[in-house]
């Protein structure tokens, strides 16, 4: 890995094909998605709009509204994937997926932007997402005409008795963590609660091996564990509640996840599939009766950005 050009060419951490960091601190990403501007989607008629939440931290959101929207609609708060190191609320996969979801399910969606590692190590992504979720919930008590900082699309069209969380890959893990935080009474402004959560191809880990991790998946687990330490140098370890929702350190918090339903989606070709199934089974064992699990036989979160099937998901 050593090179001739000094520290700017000497690799410190290498997680190709996602990210590489050099000893100089320079970061190289290998998926550079050109952002799609907000506006009217010609294929679905969905209207999207970017809103600044916290300019100091660069936090913003993209709001999606279905064509001809009238009255109040369920609110889906979405956290994009990308292993905490790539992706954006404006990248093509997130933008196009939410256009399709919003049109098919007739919901209002809010894609929250969060800061990426390694420049902003975890828990920055979780903290940013929590601030964004609180910002969304604050609109429940905003009156017509929108007070300072309120977004009219949310005030006019958001039904805050039907708020759902969703995300894929790292975003799926973020959705879980946000649902746990929201499960604490009075956590969100205006008494807003979470109706349900969709966790797609989540990125969980833990010190103990499960499933194929003990046999054919040892190398995959070792890489995932090293990646977690790279993402979160200050983490107490692999059983950190942010990584292992059913660890002793989590104190049973996962069982107190907000909402009355959880949909878990896993990909058969995903190296972390067994962790997703384990998460679902642990939820069921904890008494979470309204949980379901779906498996995509041809999908791999490494080659296909994860998302729930837009035409088959409803938000009652």
Protein backbone atom coordinates (compact mmCIF):
# COMPACT_ATOMS: atom_id res chain seq x y z
CA UNK A 1 0.00 0.00 0.00
CA UNK A 2 2.94 2.33 0.49
CA UNK A 3 3.62 4.76 -2.32
CA UNK A 4 6.21 7.26 -3.42
CA UNK A 5 4.25 10.49 -3.10
CA UNK A 6 4.24 10.86 0.70
CA UNK A 7 1.30 10.59 3.08
CA UNK A 8 -1.18 11.81 0.48
CA UNK A 9 -0.58 8.59 -1.47
CA UNK A 10 -0.15 6.20 1.46
CA UNK A 11 -3.32 4.25 2.18
CA UNK A 12 -4.49 4.18 5.78
CA UNK A 13 -7.86 2.42 5.40
CA UNK A 14 -9.03 0.61 2.29
CA UNK A 15 -12.65 -0.44 1.93
CA UNK A 16 -12.86 -0.61 -1.85
CA UNK A 17 -15.25 -0.38 -3.67
CA UNK A 18 -16.83 2.04 -1.20
CA UNK A 19 -14.16 4.29 0.24
CA UNK A 20 -10.43 4.64 0.78
CA UNK A 21 -8.73 6.98 3.25
CA UNK A 22 -5.10 8.06 3.03
CA UNK A 23 -2.78 8.89 5.92
CA UNK A 24 -2.98 12.54 4.94
CA UNK A 25 -6.71 12.40 5.70
CA UNK A 26 -7.71 12.55 2.02
CA UNK A 27 -10.79 10.47 1.25
CA UNK A 28 -11.48 8.76 -2.06
CA UNK A 29 -14.98 7.54 -2.90
CA UNK A 30 -15.68 5.18 -5.78
CA UNK A 31 -19.42 5.76 -6.25
CA UNK A 32 -19.89 9.38 -7.23
CA UNK A 33 -23.56 9.81 -7.97
CA UNK A 34 -24.43 13.03 -9.81
CA UNK A 35 -27.15 14.80 -7.80
CA UNK A 36 -30.59 15.21 -9.32
CA UNK A 37 -32.12 18.64 -8.75
CA UNK A 38 -35.49 18.93 -7.04
CA UNK A 39 -38.47 19.73 -9.24
CA UNK A 40 -41.27 17.99 -11.09
CA UNK A 41 -40.57 14.38 -12.05
CA UNK A 42 -41.73 13.91 -15.67
CA UNK A 43 -42.43 10.19 -15.21
CA UNK A 44 -44.64 10.41 -12.11
CA UNK A 45 -45.61 14.06 -11.73
CA UNK A 46 -44.24 14.04 -8.19
CA UNK A 47 -43.03 17.45 -6.99
CA UNK A 48 -39.89 17.66 -4.86
CA UNK A 49 -38.42 20.59 -2.98
CA UNK A 50 -35.19 21.07 -0.99
CA UNK A 51 -35.40 22.67 2.45
CA UNK A 52 -32.51 23.76 4.68
CA UNK A 53 -32.78 22.50 8.27
CA UNK A 54 -29.47 23.56 9.83
CA UNK A 55 -27.08 25.53 7.62
CA UNK A 56 -24.31 25.32 10.23
CA UNK A 57 -24.11 21.54 9.87
CA UNK A 58 -25.23 21.39 6.26
CA UNK A 59 -28.43 19.56 7.17
CA UNK A 60 -31.26 19.67 4.69
CA UNK A 61 -34.19 17.61 3.46
CA UNK A 62 -35.93 16.86 0.18
CA UNK A 63 -39.72 16.84 0.42
CA UNK A 64 -41.75 14.83 -2.12
CA UNK A 65 -45.45 15.42 -2.82
CA UNK A 66 -47.64 13.32 -5.15
CA UNK A 67 -49.36 14.98 -8.11
CA UNK A 68 -52.72 16.56 -7.35
CA UNK A 69 -52.20 16.21 -3.60
CA UNK A 70 -55.20 17.35 -1.60
CA UNK A 71 -55.69 17.19 2.14
CA UNK A 72 -53.47 15.37 4.60
CA UNK A 73 -51.22 12.45 3.64
CA UNK A 74 -49.16 9.89 5.58
CA UNK A 75 -45.59 11.12 6.16
CA UNK A 76 -42.70 8.80 5.31
CA UNK A 77 -39.33 9.94 6.69
CA UNK A 78 -36.62 8.26 4.62
CA UNK A 79 -32.92 7.69 5.38
CA UNK A 80 -30.75 6.93 2.36
CA UNK A 81 -28.27 4.09 2.21
CA UNK A 82 -24.59 4.06 1.32
CA UNK A 83 -22.79 2.42 4.26
CA UNK A 84 -22.58 5.82 6.00
CA UNK A 85 -19.86 6.90 3.54
CA UNK A 86 -21.70 7.56 0.26
CA UNK A 87 -25.16 8.56 -0.92
CA UNK A 88 -27.44 11.54 -0.53
CA UNK A 89 -31.07 12.57 -0.47
CA UNK A 90 -30.42 13.89 -3.99
CA UNK A 91 -28.64 10.90 -5.51
CA UNK A 92 -30.42 9.23 -8.46
CA UNK A 93 -31.38 6.03 -6.65
CA UNK A 94 -32.89 7.77 -3.64
CA UNK A 95 -34.59 10.48 -5.69
CA UNK A 96 -36.06 8.14 -8.31
CA UNK A 97 -37.15 5.55 -5.76
CA UNK A 98 -39.00 8.10 -3.67
CA UNK A 99 -40.68 9.55 -6.75
CA UNK A 100 -42.06 6.08 -7.44
CA UNK A 101 -43.00 5.38 -3.83
CA UNK A 102 -44.77 8.70 -3.35
CA UNK A 103 -46.75 8.30 -6.58
CA UNK A 104 -47.70 4.67 -5.93
CA UNK A 105 -48.54 4.94 -2.22
CA UNK A 106 -49.94 8.51 -2.25
CA UNK A 107 -47.79 9.68 0.63
CA UNK A 108 -45.65 12.70 1.46
CA UNK A 109 -42.00 11.69 1.81
CA UNK A 110 -39.09 13.50 3.43
CA UNK A 111 -35.56 12.34 2.59
CA UNK A 112 -33.15 13.57 5.25
CA UNK A 113 -29.55 14.42 4.46
CA UNK A 114 -26.89 13.50 7.02
CA UNK A 115 -23.14 13.98 7.23
CA UNK A 116 -20.96 11.14 5.99
CA UNK A 117 -18.04 9.27 7.54
CA UNK A 118 -15.09 9.26 7.76
CA UNK A 119 -14.95 13.07 7.66
CA UNK A 120 -17.81 13.03 10.17
CA UNK A 121 -17.47 9.78 12.14
CA UNK A 122 -20.48 8.12 13.69
CA UNK A 123 -22.59 8.95 15.60
CA UNK A 124 -22.87 12.10 13.41
CA UNK A 125 -25.25 10.39 10.96
CA UNK A 126 -27.56 9.33 13.81
CA UNK A 127 -27.45 12.73 15.48
CA UNK A 128 -28.16 14.52 12.20
CA UNK A 129 -31.03 12.15 11.43
CA UNK A 130 -32.53 12.72 14.87
CA UNK A 131 -32.37 16.49 14.39
CA UNK A 132 -34.02 16.06 11.01
CA UNK A 133 -36.76 13.84 12.41
CA UNK A 134 -37.48 16.34 15.17
CA UNK A 135 -37.67 19.07 12.53
CA UNK A 136 -40.26 17.05 10.59
CA UNK A 137 -42.29 16.40 13.75
CA UNK A 138 -42.23 20.09 14.70
CA UNK A 139 -44.62 20.75 11.82
CA UNK A 140 -47.39 18.91 13.66
CA UNK A 141 -48.07 22.04 15.72
CA UNK A 142 -47.27 24.64 13.06
CA UNK A 143 -50.37 26.53 12.03
CA UNK A 144 -51.51 27.54 8.59
CA UNK A 145 -49.28 30.18 7.13
CA UNK A 146 -46.16 28.44 8.49
CA UNK A 147 -44.10 29.95 11.26
CA UNK A 148 -40.42 30.71 10.82
CA UNK A 149 -38.58 27.59 9.73
CA UNK A 150 -41.73 25.66 8.89
CA UNK A 151 -42.15 24.11 5.47
CA UNK A 152 -45.59 24.80 3.92
CA UNK A 153 -45.75 21.43 2.14
CA UNK A 154 -45.46 19.66 5.48
CA UNK A 155 -47.86 22.02 7.26
CA UNK A 156 -50.51 21.77 4.54
CA UNK A 157 -50.23 18.09 3.61
CA UNK A 158 -48.61 16.15 6.47
CA UNK A 159 -50.82 13.86 8.56
CA UNK A 160 -48.74 13.61 11.72
CA UNK A 161 -50.89 10.85 13.17
CA UNK A 162 -49.44 8.65 10.43
CA UNK A 163 -45.65 9.07 10.47
CA UNK A 164 -43.51 6.19 9.20
CA UNK A 165 -39.75 5.70 9.13
CA UNK A 166 -37.94 3.89 6.32
CA UNK A 167 -34.42 3.35 5.06
CA UNK A 168 -32.09 0.94 3.32
CA UNK A 169 -28.66 -0.42 4.30
CA UNK A 170 -27.14 2.17 6.64
CA UNK A 171 -30.43 4.03 6.31
CA UNK A 172 -32.28 0.94 7.54
CA UNK A 173 -30.13 0.89 10.64
CA UNK A 174 -30.72 4.62 11.12
CA UNK A 175 -34.48 4.06 10.78
CA UNK A 176 -34.31 1.47 13.58
CA UNK A 177 -32.26 3.74 15.85
CA UNK A 178 -34.63 6.65 15.23
CA UNK A 179 -37.64 4.44 16.04
CA UNK A 180 -36.00 3.40 19.32
CA UNK A 181 -35.30 7.02 20.27
CA UNK A 182 -38.82 8.04 19.29
CA UNK A 183 -40.18 5.22 21.47
CA UNK A 184 -39.29 7.17 24.57
CA UNK A 185 -42.37 9.06 25.71
CA UNK A 186 -42.39 12.67 24.62
CA UNK A 187 -39.22 12.34 22.57
CA UNK A 188 -40.59 14.09 19.48
CA UNK A 189 -42.10 17.59 19.35
CA UNK A 190 -45.86 17.93 19.48
CA UNK A 191 -46.29 14.45 20.91
CA UNK A 192 -45.78 12.97 17.44
CA UNK A 193 -45.51 9.19 17.44
CA UNK A 194 -44.22 6.71 14.88
CA UNK A 195 -46.79 4.47 13.23
CA UNK A 196 -44.36 1.95 11.75
CA UNK A 197 -40.85 1.36 10.47
CA UNK A 198 -39.41 -0.23 7.31
CA UNK A 199 -35.89 -1.62 7.75
CA UNK A 200 -34.33 -2.73 4.44
CA UNK A 201 -31.04 -4.70 4.23
CA UNK A 202 -29.85 -3.26 7.57
CA UNK A 203 -26.20 -3.03 8.59
CA UNK A 204 -26.02 -4.61 12.06
CA UNK A 205 -23.13 -6.42 13.71
CA UNK A 206 -22.15 -7.91 17.07
CA UNK A 207 -19.31 -9.66 18.83
CA UNK A 208 -20.97 -13.09 18.72
CA UNK A 209 -21.14 -14.92 15.40
CA UNK A 210 -24.54 -15.87 14.00
CA UNK A 211 -25.63 -17.94 10.99
CA UNK A 212 -22.98 -18.42 8.35
CA UNK A 213 -20.65 -16.00 10.15
CA UNK A 214 -19.34 -19.00 12.09
CA UNK A 215 -18.47 -20.92 8.91
CA UNK A 216 -18.32 -19.56 5.37
CA UNK A 217 -18.95 -15.96 6.40
CA UNK A 218 -15.99 -15.40 8.72
CA UNK A 219 -14.10 -13.20 6.26
CA UNK A 220 -17.22 -11.17 5.46
CA UNK A 221 -17.88 -10.59 9.16
CA UNK A 222 -14.27 -9.62 9.83
CA UNK A 223 -14.46 -7.01 7.09
CA UNK A 224 -17.80 -5.68 8.35
CA UNK A 225 -16.44 -5.48 11.89
CA UNK A 226 -13.34 -3.59 10.73
CA UNK A 227 -15.56 -1.24 8.75
CA UNK A 228 -17.63 -0.47 11.86
CA UNK A 229 -14.48 0.52 13.76
CA UNK A 230 -13.49 2.73 10.82
CA UNK A 231 -16.91 4.41 10.79
CA UNK A 232 -17.05 4.91 14.55
CA UNK A 233 -13.59 5.04 16.16
CA UNK A 234 -15.14 6.11 19.46
CA UNK A 235 -17.55 3.17 19.67
CA UNK A 236 -17.25 0.94 22.75
CA UNK A 237 -17.23 -2.10 20.47
CA UNK A 238 -19.29 -4.36 18.23
CA UNK A 239 -22.04 -4.67 20.84
CA UNK A 240 -22.61 -0.92 20.81
CA UNK A 241 -26.43 -0.47 20.76
CA UNK A 242 -26.03 1.47 17.50
CA UNK A 243 -24.54 -1.66 15.93
CA UNK A 244 -26.13 -4.49 17.93
CA UNK A 245 -29.71 -3.55 18.87
CA UNK A 246 -30.16 -6.63 21.06
CA UNK A 247 -26.89 -6.49 22.99
CA UNK A 248 -26.80 -6.29 26.76
CA UNK A 249 -25.64 -2.68 26.38
CA UNK A 250 -28.83 -1.89 24.46
CA UNK A 251 -30.81 -2.76 27.60
CA UNK A 252 -33.81 -4.09 25.70
CA UNK A 253 -34.34 -0.79 23.90
CA UNK A 254 -35.00 -2.53 20.57
CA UNK A 255 -38.09 -4.16 22.03
CA UNK A 256 -39.41 -0.67 22.81
CA UNK A 257 -39.17 0.48 19.21
CA UNK A 258 -41.89 3.01 18.44
CA UNK A 259 -44.93 2.10 16.39
CA UNK A 260 -47.11 -0.95 16.09
CA UNK A 261 -45.53 -2.56 13.04
CA UNK A 262 -42.10 -3.25 11.54
CA UNK A 263 -41.32 -4.52 8.05
CA UNK A 264 -37.85 -6.05 7.60
CA UNK A 265 -36.49 -6.71 4.10
CA UNK A 266 -33.37 -8.79 3.43
CA UNK A 267 -31.43 -9.73 0.29
CA UNK A 268 -30.44 -13.35 -0.22
CA UNK A 269 -27.07 -12.37 -1.74
CA UNK A 270 -26.26 -9.79 0.92
CA UNK A 271 -23.35 -10.78 3.15
CA UNK A 272 -25.26 -9.30 6.08
CA UNK A 273 -28.49 -11.17 5.30
CA UNK A 274 -28.27 -13.36 8.42
CA UNK A 275 -28.04 -10.24 10.57
CA UNK A 276 -31.25 -8.91 9.02
CA UNK A 277 -33.08 -12.20 9.68
CA UNK A 278 -31.65 -12.27 13.21
CA UNK A 279 -32.97 -8.74 13.77
CA UNK A 280 -36.45 -9.77 12.63
CA UNK A 281 -36.48 -12.94 14.73
CA UNK A 282 -35.24 -11.01 17.77
CA UNK A 283 -38.03 -8.48 17.32
CA UNK A 284 -40.59 -11.28 17.21
CA UNK A 285 -39.09 -12.96 20.27
CA UNK A 286 -39.27 -9.68 22.18
CA UNK A 287 -43.03 -9.60 21.73
CA UNK A 288 -43.19 -7.45 18.62
CA UNK A 289 -46.07 -9.43 17.07
CA UNK A 290 -46.75 -7.11 14.14
CA UNK A 291 -43.43 -7.69 12.43
CA UNK A 292 -42.89 -9.24 9.03
CA UNK A 293 -39.87 -10.19 6.95
CA UNK A 294 -39.46 -10.22 3.18
CA UNK A 295 -36.58 -11.68 1.22
CA UNK A 296 -35.45 -10.72 -2.30
CA UNK A 297 -33.78 -13.77 -3.84
CA UNK A 298 -31.93 -11.91 -6.60
CA UNK A 299 -30.84 -8.80 -4.72
CA UNK A 300 -27.51 -7.93 -3.17
CA UNK A 301 -27.10 -4.70 -1.24
CA UNK A 302 -23.50 -4.58 -2.44
CA UNK A 303 -24.53 -4.24 -6.07
CA UNK A 304 -28.07 -2.91 -5.80
CA UNK A 305 -29.03 -0.03 -3.53
CA UNK A 306 -31.69 -1.45 -1.17
CA UNK A 307 -35.25 -0.28 -1.10
CA UNK A 308 -38.69 -1.63 -0.28
CA UNK A 309 -41.00 -2.44 -3.24
CA UNK A 310 -42.84 0.82 -3.86
CA UNK A 311 -45.95 -0.72 -5.42
CA UNK A 312 -46.43 -3.24 -2.59
CA UNK A 313 -46.07 -1.00 0.45
CA UNK A 314 -49.03 0.82 1.97
CA UNK A 315 -49.14 3.29 4.83
CA UNK A 316 -52.51 2.96 6.60
